[in-house]
Amino acid sequence: MNCSSKFEGQSDDPVGLKFLTETQLDFGPFGLESLFPEDQISINCATNAKHVSMMKNENTIRLIKLTEVAMRGE
């Protein structure tokens, strides 16, 4: 069995799958502004990480720190 670690997306992939697998260029709230008051949204970027890779290796520490800051309301 040959398992490739690189995901090969298709042109008809749903938007949600593209969000998870492609490098993001838009760092907006992605519709979350409808759930939270605008003055309470803070956007932080985990550069050089995709949605899934944010939870691996050194990105895990960065994600924990960003979450901790968000939970404290800093």
PDB file of N, CA and C in Angstrom:
ATOM      1  N   MET A   1       0.855  -1.175   0.000  1.00  0.00           N
ATOM      2  CA  MET A   1       0.000   0.000   0.000  1.00  0.00           C
ATOM      3  C   MET A   1       0.898   1.234   0.000  1.00  0.00           C
ATOM      4  N   ASN A   2       0.561   2.176  -0.829  1.00  0.00           N
ATOM      5  CA  ASN A   2       1.314   3.429  -0.913  1.00  0.00           C
ATOM      6  C   ASN A   2       0.428   4.564  -0.424  1.00  0.00           C
ATOM      7  N   CYS A   3       0.763   5.136   0.708  1.00  0.00           N
ATOM      8  CA  CYS A   3      -0.023   6.232   1.261  1.00  0.00           C
ATOM      9  C   CYS A   3       0.745   7.533   1.094  1.00  0.00           C
ATOM     10  N   SER A   4       0.178   8.448   0.372  1.00  0.00           N
ATOM     11  CA  SER A   4       0.802   9.750   0.167  1.00  0.00           C
ATOM     12  C   SER A   4       0.402  10.680   1.298  1.00  0.00           C
ATOM     13  N   SER A   5       1.344  11.448   1.811  1.00  0.00           N
ATOM     14  CA  SER A   5       1.026  12.391   2.879  1.00  0.00           C
ATOM     15  C   SER A   5       0.481  13.699   2.326  1.00  0.00           C
ATOM     16  N   LYS A   6       0.498  13.867   1.007  1.00  0.00           N
ATOM     17  CA  LYS A   6      -0.009  15.093   0.396  1.00  0.00           C
ATOM     18  C   LYS A   6      -1.405  14.846  -0.149  1.00  0.00           C
ATOM     19  N   PHE A   7      -2.332  15.675   0.260  1.00  0.00           N
ATOM     20  CA  PHE A   7      -3.708  15.565  -0.202  1.00  0.00           C
ATOM     21  C   PHE A   7      -3.801  16.155  -1.600  1.00  0.00           C
ATOM     22  N   GLU A   8      -4.392  15.442  -2.494  1.00  0.00           N
ATOM     23  CA  GLU A   8      -4.601  15.913  -3.859  1.00  0.00           C
ATOM     24  C   GLU A   8      -6.056  16.339  -4.004  1.00  0.00           C
ATOM     25  N   GLY A   9      -6.305  17.627  -3.909  1.00  0.00           N
ATOM     26  CA  GLY A   9      -7.658  18.143  -4.029  1.00  0.00           C
ATOM     27  C   GLY A   9      -8.179  18.067  -5.455  1.00  0.00           C
ATOM     28  N   GLN A  10      -9.492  18.110  -5.580  1.00  0.00           N
ATOM     29  CA  GLN A  10     -10.165  18.085  -6.870  1.00  0.00           C
ATOM     30  C   GLN A  10     -10.878  19.416  -7.076  1.00  0.00           C
ATOM     31  N   SER A  11     -11.112  19.796  -8.304  1.00  0.00           N
ATOM     32  CA  SER A  11     -11.741  21.085  -8.590  1.00  0.00           C
ATOM     33  C   SER A  11     -13.161  21.183  -8.036  1.00  0.00           C
ATOM     34  N   ASP A  12     -13.830  20.045  -7.848  1.00  0.00           N
ATOM     35  CA  ASP A  12     -15.206  20.079  -7.343  1.00  0.00           C
ATOM     36  C   ASP A  12     -15.303  19.785  -5.842  1.00  0.00           C
ATOM     37  N   ASP A  13     -14.176  19.872  -5.126  1.00  0.00           N
ATOM     38  CA  ASP A  13     -14.199  19.676  -3.683  1.00  0.00           C
ATOM     39  C   ASP A  13     -15.087  20.730  -3.031  1.00  0.00           C
ATOM     40  N   PRO A  14     -15.833  20.363  -1.983  1.00  0.00           N
ATOM     41  CA  PRO A  14     -16.660  21.345  -1.286  1.00  0.00           C
ATOM     42  C   PRO A  14     -15.793  22.390  -0.577  1.00  0.00           C
ATOM     43  N   VAL A  15     -16.369  23.558  -0.356  1.00  0.00           N
ATOM     44  CA  VAL A  15     -15.650  24.669   0.262  1.00  0.00           C
ATOM     45  C   VAL A  15     -15.066  24.261   1.610  1.00  0.00           C
ATOM     46  N   GLY A  16     -15.814  23.502   2.405  1.00  0.00           N
ATOM     47  CA  GLY A  16     -15.336  23.084   3.717  1.00  0.00           C
ATOM     48  C   GLY A  16     -14.079  22.246   3.644  1.00  0.00           C
ATOM     49  N   LEU A  17     -13.983  21.380   2.652  1.00  0.00           N
ATOM     50  CA  LEU A  17     -12.790  20.556   2.475  1.00  0.00           C
ATOM     51  C   LEU A  17     -11.615  21.417   2.049  1.00  0.00           C
ATOM     52  N   LYS A  18     -11.862  22.369   1.168  1.00  0.00           N
ATOM     53  CA  LYS A  18     -10.797  23.272   0.735  1.00  0.00           C
ATOM     54  C   LYS A  18     -10.267  24.080   1.915  1.00  0.00           C
ATOM     55  N   PHE A  19     -11.167  24.509   2.819  1.00  0.00           N
ATOM     56  CA  PHE A  19     -10.751  25.256   4.001  1.00  0.00           C
ATOM     57  C   PHE A  19      -9.788  24.427   4.844  1.00  0.00           C
ATOM     58  N   LEU A  20     -10.065  23.133   4.957  1.00  0.00           N
ATOM     59  CA  LEU A  20      -9.239  22.262   5.793  1.00  0.00           C
ATOM     60  C   LEU A  20      -7.910  21.898   5.156  1.00  0.00           C
ATOM     61  N   THR A  21      -7.835  21.906   3.836  1.00  0.00           N
ATOM     62  CA  THR A  21      -6.654  21.353   3.170  1.00  0.00           C
ATOM     63  C   THR A  21      -5.801  22.347   2.403  1.00  0.00           C
ATOM     64  N   GLU A  22      -6.305  23.541   2.155  1.00  0.00           N
ATOM     65  CA  GLU A  22      -5.540  24.513   1.376  1.00  0.00           C
ATOM     66  C   GLU A  22      -4.989  25.611   2.273  1.00  0.00           C
ATOM     67  N   THR A  23      -3.884  26.204   1.851  1.00  0.00           N
ATOM     68  CA  THR A  23      -3.320  27.332   2.566  1.00  0.00           C
ATOM     69  C   THR A  23      -4.280  28.504   2.470  1.00  0.00           C
ATOM     70  N   GLN A  24      -4.599  29.090   3.608  1.00  0.00           N
ATOM     71  CA  GLN A  24      -5.562  30.184   3.650  1.00  0.00           C
ATOM     72  C   GLN A  24      -4.912  31.512   3.313  1.00  0.00           C
ATOM     73  N   LEU A  25      -5.598  32.294   2.515  1.00  0.00           N
ATOM     74  CA  LEU A  25      -5.159  33.642   2.175  1.00  0.00           C
ATOM     75  C   LEU A  25      -6.109  34.679   2.749  1.00  0.00           C
ATOM     76  N   ASP A  26      -7.310  34.239   3.135  1.00  0.00           N
ATOM     77  CA  ASP A  26      -8.311  35.113   3.720  1.00  0.00           C
ATOM     78  C   ASP A  26      -8.389  34.782   5.216  1.00  0.00           C
ATOM     79  N   PHE A  27      -8.037  35.747   6.052  1.00  0.00           N
ATOM     80  CA  PHE A  27      -8.018  35.507   7.485  1.00  0.00           C
ATOM     81  C   PHE A  27      -9.184  36.196   8.184  1.00  0.00           C
ATOM     82  N   GLY A  28     -10.306  36.303   7.491  1.00  0.00           N
ATOM     83  CA  GLY A  28     -11.500  36.914   8.050  1.00  0.00           C
ATOM     84  C   GLY A  28     -12.210  35.973   9.003  1.00  0.00           C
ATOM     85  N   PRO A  29     -13.331  36.398   9.543  1.00  0.00           N
ATOM     86  CA  PRO A  29     -14.041  35.595  10.545  1.00  0.00           C
ATOM     87  C   PRO A  29     -14.852  34.430   9.971  1.00  0.00           C
ATOM     88  N   PHE A  30     -14.944  34.282   8.648  1.00  0.00           N
ATOM     89  CA  PHE A  30     -15.603  33.138   8.005  1.00  0.00           C
ATOM     90  C   PHE A  30     -17.032  32.907   8.483  1.00  0.00           C
ATOM     91  N   GLY A  31     -17.780  33.980   8.668  1.00  0.00           N
ATOM     92  CA  GLY A  31     -19.172  33.853   9.062  1.00  0.00           C
ATOM     93  C   GLY A  31     -19.399  33.811  10.560  1.00  0.00           C
ATOM     94  N   LEU A  32     -18.328  33.693  11.348  1.00  0.00           N
ATOM     95  CA  LEU A  32     -18.497  33.656  12.801  1.00  0.00           C
ATOM     96  C   LEU A  32     -19.006  34.979  13.352  1.00  0.00           C
ATOM     97  N   GLU A  33     -18.876  36.051  12.561  1.00  0.00           N
ATOM     98  CA  GLU A  33     -19.363  37.356  13.014  1.00  0.00           C
ATOM     99  C   GLU A  33     -20.870  37.345  13.251  1.00  0.00           C
ATOM    100  N   SER A  34     -21.570  36.397  12.634  1.00  0.00           N
ATOM    101  CA  SER A  34     -23.014  36.301  12.861  1.00  0.00           C
ATOM    102  C   SER A  34     -23.327  35.637  14.196  1.00  0.00           C
ATOM    103  N   LEU A  35     -22.346  34.968  14.805  1.00  0.00           N
ATOM    104  CA  LEU A  35     -22.549  34.283  16.076  1.00  0.00           C
ATOM    105  C   LEU A  35     -22.036  35.076  17.277  1.00  0.00           C
ATOM    106  N   PHE A  36     -21.079  35.970  17.033  1.00  0.00           N
ATOM    107  CA  PHE A  36     -20.452  36.707  18.124  1.00  0.00           C
ATOM    108  C   PHE A  36     -20.504  38.203  17.838  1.00  0.00           C
ATOM    109  N   PRO A  37     -20.611  39.012  18.890  1.00  0.00           N
ATOM    110  CA  PRO A  37     -20.542  40.466  18.677  1.00  0.00           C
ATOM    111  C   PRO A  37     -19.218  40.837  18.014  1.00  0.00           C
ATOM    112  N   GLU A  38     -19.274  41.719  17.037  1.00  0.00           N
ATOM    113  CA  GLU A  38     -18.100  42.076  16.251  1.00  0.00           C
ATOM    114  C   GLU A  38     -16.947  42.576  17.110  1.00  0.00           C
ATOM    115  N   ASP A  39     -17.243  43.288  18.175  1.00  0.00           N
ATOM    116  CA  ASP A  39     -16.169  43.827  19.009  1.00  0.00           C
ATOM    117  C   ASP A  39     -15.495  42.755  19.867  1.00  0.00           C
ATOM    118  N   GLN A  40     -15.996  41.511  19.802  1.00  0.00           N
ATOM    119  CA  GLN A  40     -15.394  40.430  20.582  1.00  0.00           C
ATOM    120  C   GLN A  40     -14.633  39.431  19.713  1.00  0.00           C
ATOM    121  N   ILE A  41     -14.466  39.727  18.429  1.00  0.00           N
ATOM    122  CA  ILE A  41     -13.745  38.818  17.540  1.00  0.00           C
ATOM    123  C   ILE A  41     -12.297  39.264  17.432  1.00  0.00           C
ATOM    124  N   SER A  42     -11.408  38.337  17.670  1.00  0.00           N
ATOM    125  CA  SER A  42      -9.974  38.587  17.503  1.00  0.00           C
ATOM    126  C   SER A  42      -9.444  37.510  16.563  1.00  0.00           C
ATOM    127  N   ILE A  43      -8.704  37.911  15.563  1.00  0.00           N
ATOM    128  CA  ILE A  43      -8.185  36.956  14.587  1.00  0.00           C
ATOM    129  C   ILE A  43      -6.674  36.879  14.737  1.00  0.00           C
ATOM    130  N   ASN A  44      -6.180  35.658  14.947  1.00  0.00           N
ATOM    131  CA  ASN A  44      -4.750  35.406  15.041  1.00  0.00           C
ATOM    132  C   ASN A  44      -4.397  34.374  13.979  1.00  0.00           C
ATOM    133  N   CYS A  45      -3.240  34.519  13.406  1.00  0.00           N
ATOM    134  CA  CYS A  45      -2.823  33.617  12.331  1.00  0.00           C
ATOM    135  C   CYS A  45      -1.740  32.656  12.813  1.00  0.00           C
ATOM    136  N   ALA A  46      -1.927  31.393  12.517  1.00  0.00           N
ATOM    137  CA  ALA A  46      -0.882  30.392  12.729  1.00  0.00           C
ATOM    138  C   ALA A  46      -0.193  30.217  11.388  1.00  0.00           C
ATOM    139  N   THR A  47       0.798  31.045  11.137  1.00  0.00           N
ATOM    140  CA  THR A  47       1.451  31.047   9.829  1.00  0.00           C
ATOM    141  C   THR A  47       2.124  29.706   9.534  1.00  0.00           C
ATOM    142  N   ASN A  48       2.173  29.389   8.269  1.00  0.00           N
ATOM    143  CA  ASN A  48       2.770  28.140   7.780  1.00  0.00           C
ATOM    144  C   ASN A  48       2.093  26.897   8.346  1.00  0.00           C
ATOM    145  N   ALA A  49       0.802  27.000   8.642  1.00  0.00           N
ATOM    146  CA  ALA A  49       0.050  25.851   9.148  1.00  0.00           C
ATOM    147  C   ALA A  49      -1.308  25.819   8.476  1.00  0.00           C
ATOM    148  N   LYS A  50      -1.746  24.618   8.143  1.00  0.00           N
ATOM    149  CA  LYS A  50      -3.099  24.417   7.645  1.00  0.00           C
ATOM    150  C   LYS A  50      -3.950  23.970   8.821  1.00  0.00           C
ATOM    151  N   HIS A  51      -5.249  23.845   8.614  1.00  0.00           N
ATOM    152  CA  HIS A  51      -6.172  23.526   9.700  1.00  0.00           C
ATOM    153  C   HIS A  51      -5.719  22.288  10.484  1.00  0.00           C
ATOM    154  N   VAL A  52      -5.378  21.227   9.799  1.00  0.00           N
ATOM    155  CA  VAL A  52      -4.990  19.988  10.473  1.00  0.00           C
ATOM    156  C   VAL A  52      -3.572  20.075  11.026  1.00  0.00           C
ATOM    157  N   SER A  53      -2.647  20.700  10.289  1.00  0.00           N
ATOM    158  CA  SER A  53      -1.256  20.757  10.753  1.00  0.00           C
ATOM    159  C   SER A  53      -1.077  21.692  11.943  1.00  0.00           C
ATOM    160  N   MET A  54      -2.093  22.499  12.273  1.00  0.00           N
ATOM    161  CA  MET A  54      -2.001  23.343  13.468  1.00  0.00           C
ATOM    162  C   MET A  54      -1.951  22.493  14.729  1.00  0.00           C
ATOM    163  N   MET A  55      -2.347  21.231  14.616  1.00  0.00           N
ATOM    164  CA  MET A  55      -2.405  20.363  15.788  1.00  0.00           C
ATOM    165  C   MET A  55      -1.252  19.365  15.819  1.00  0.00           C
ATOM    166  N   LYS A  56      -0.144  19.707  15.142  1.00  0.00           N
ATOM    167  CA  LYS A  56       1.010  18.820  15.106  1.00  0.00           C
ATOM    168  C   LYS A  56       2.280  19.595  15.425  1.00  0.00           C
ATOM    169  N   ASN A  57       3.205  18.920  16.069  1.00  0.00           N
ATOM    170  CA  ASN A  57       4.551  19.427  16.319  1.00  0.00           C
ATOM    171  C   ASN A  57       4.543  20.791  17.003  1.00  0.00           C
ATOM    172  N   GLU A  58       5.396  21.704  16.547  1.00  0.00           N
ATOM    173  CA  GLU A  58       5.517  23.015  17.197  1.00  0.00           C
ATOM    174  C   GLU A  58       4.245  23.851  17.035  1.00  0.00           C
ATOM    175  N   ASN A  59       3.444  23.544  16.041  1.00  0.00           N
ATOM    176  CA  ASN A  59       2.188  24.276  15.858  1.00  0.00           C
ATOM    177  C   ASN A  59       1.224  24.047  17.017  1.00  0.00           C
ATOM    178  N   THR A  60       1.333  22.894  17.684  1.00  0.00           N
ATOM    179  CA  THR A  60       0.463  22.600  18.819  1.00  0.00           C
ATOM    180  C   THR A  60       0.663  23.622  19.929  1.00  0.00           C
ATOM    181  N   ILE A  61       1.912  23.946  20.224  1.00  0.00           N
ATOM    182  CA  ILE A  61       2.219  24.922  21.270  1.00  0.00           C
ATOM    183  C   ILE A  61       1.655  26.282  20.884  1.00  0.00           C
ATOM    184  N   ARG A  62       1.819  26.684  19.622  1.00  0.00           N
ATOM    185  CA  ARG A  62       1.283  27.963  19.164  1.00  0.00           C
ATOM    186  C   ARG A  62      -0.234  27.992  19.301  1.00  0.00           C
ATOM    187  N   LEU A  63      -0.898  26.901  18.936  1.00  0.00           N
ATOM    188  CA  LEU A  63      -2.359  26.828  19.032  1.00  0.00           C
ATOM    189  C   LEU A  63      -2.817  26.911  20.490  1.00  0.00           C
ATOM    190  N   ILE A  64      -2.107  26.220  21.374  1.00  0.00           N
ATOM    191  CA  ILE A  64      -2.444  26.269  22.805  1.00  0.00           C
ATOM    192  C   ILE A  64      -2.318  27.691  23.334  1.00  0.00           C
ATOM    193  N   LYS A  65      -1.237  28.373  22.973  1.00  0.00           N
ATOM    194  CA  LYS A  65      -1.033  29.745  23.452  1.00  0.00           C
ATOM    195  C   LYS A  65      -2.109  30.698  22.916  1.00  0.00           C
ATOM    196  N   LEU A  66      -2.463  30.557  21.640  1.00  0.00           N
ATOM    197  CA  LEU A  66      -3.517  31.404  21.070  1.00  0.00           C
ATOM    198  C   LEU A  66      -4.864  31.131  21.740  1.00  0.00           C
ATOM    199  N   THR A  67      -5.141  29.868  22.015  1.00  0.00           N
ATOM    200  CA  THR A  67      -6.390  29.502  22.676  1.00  0.00           C
ATOM    201  C   THR A  67      -6.421  30.035  24.098  1.00  0.00           C
ATOM    202  N   GLU A  68      -5.298  29.935  24.781  1.00  0.00           N
ATOM    203  CA  GLU A  68      -5.214  30.430  26.160  1.00  0.00           C
ATOM    204  C   GLU A  68      -5.470  31.943  26.207  1.00  0.00           C
ATOM    205  N   VAL A  69      -4.874  32.683  25.295  1.00  0.00           N
ATOM    206  CA  VAL A  69      -5.084  34.132  25.229  1.00  0.00           C
ATOM    207  C   VAL A  69      -6.555  34.428  24.954  1.00  0.00           C
ATOM    208  N   ALA A  70      -7.165  33.697  24.034  1.00  0.00           N
ATOM    209  CA  ALA A  70      -8.567  33.900  23.697  1.00  0.00           C
ATOM    210  C   ALA A  70      -9.473  33.594  24.886  1.00  0.00           C
ATOM    211  N   MET A  71      -9.176  32.528  25.601  1.00  0.00           N
ATOM    212  CA  MET A  71     -10.003  32.150  26.749  1.00  0.00           C
ATOM    213  C   MET A  71      -9.913  33.186  27.879  1.00  0.00           C
ATOM    214  N   ARG A  72      -8.755  33.800  28.010  1.00  0.00           N
ATOM    215  CA  ARG A  72      -8.571  34.826  29.040  1.00  0.00           C
ATOM    216  C   ARG A  72      -9.183  36.151  28.630  1.00  0.00           C
ATOM    217  N   GLY A  73      -9.456  36.304  27.337  1.00  0.00           N
ATOM    218  CA  GLY A  73     -10.021  37.554  26.840  1.00  0.00           C
ATOM    219  C   GLY A  73      -8.992  38.648  26.710  1.00  0.00           C
ATOM    220  N   GLU A  74      -7.752  38.279  26.482  1.00  0.00           N
ATOM    221  CA  GLU A  74      -6.657  39.256  26.357  1.00  0.00           C
ATOM    222  C   GLU A  74      -6.582  39.813  24.947  1.00  0.00           C
TER     223      GLU A  74
END
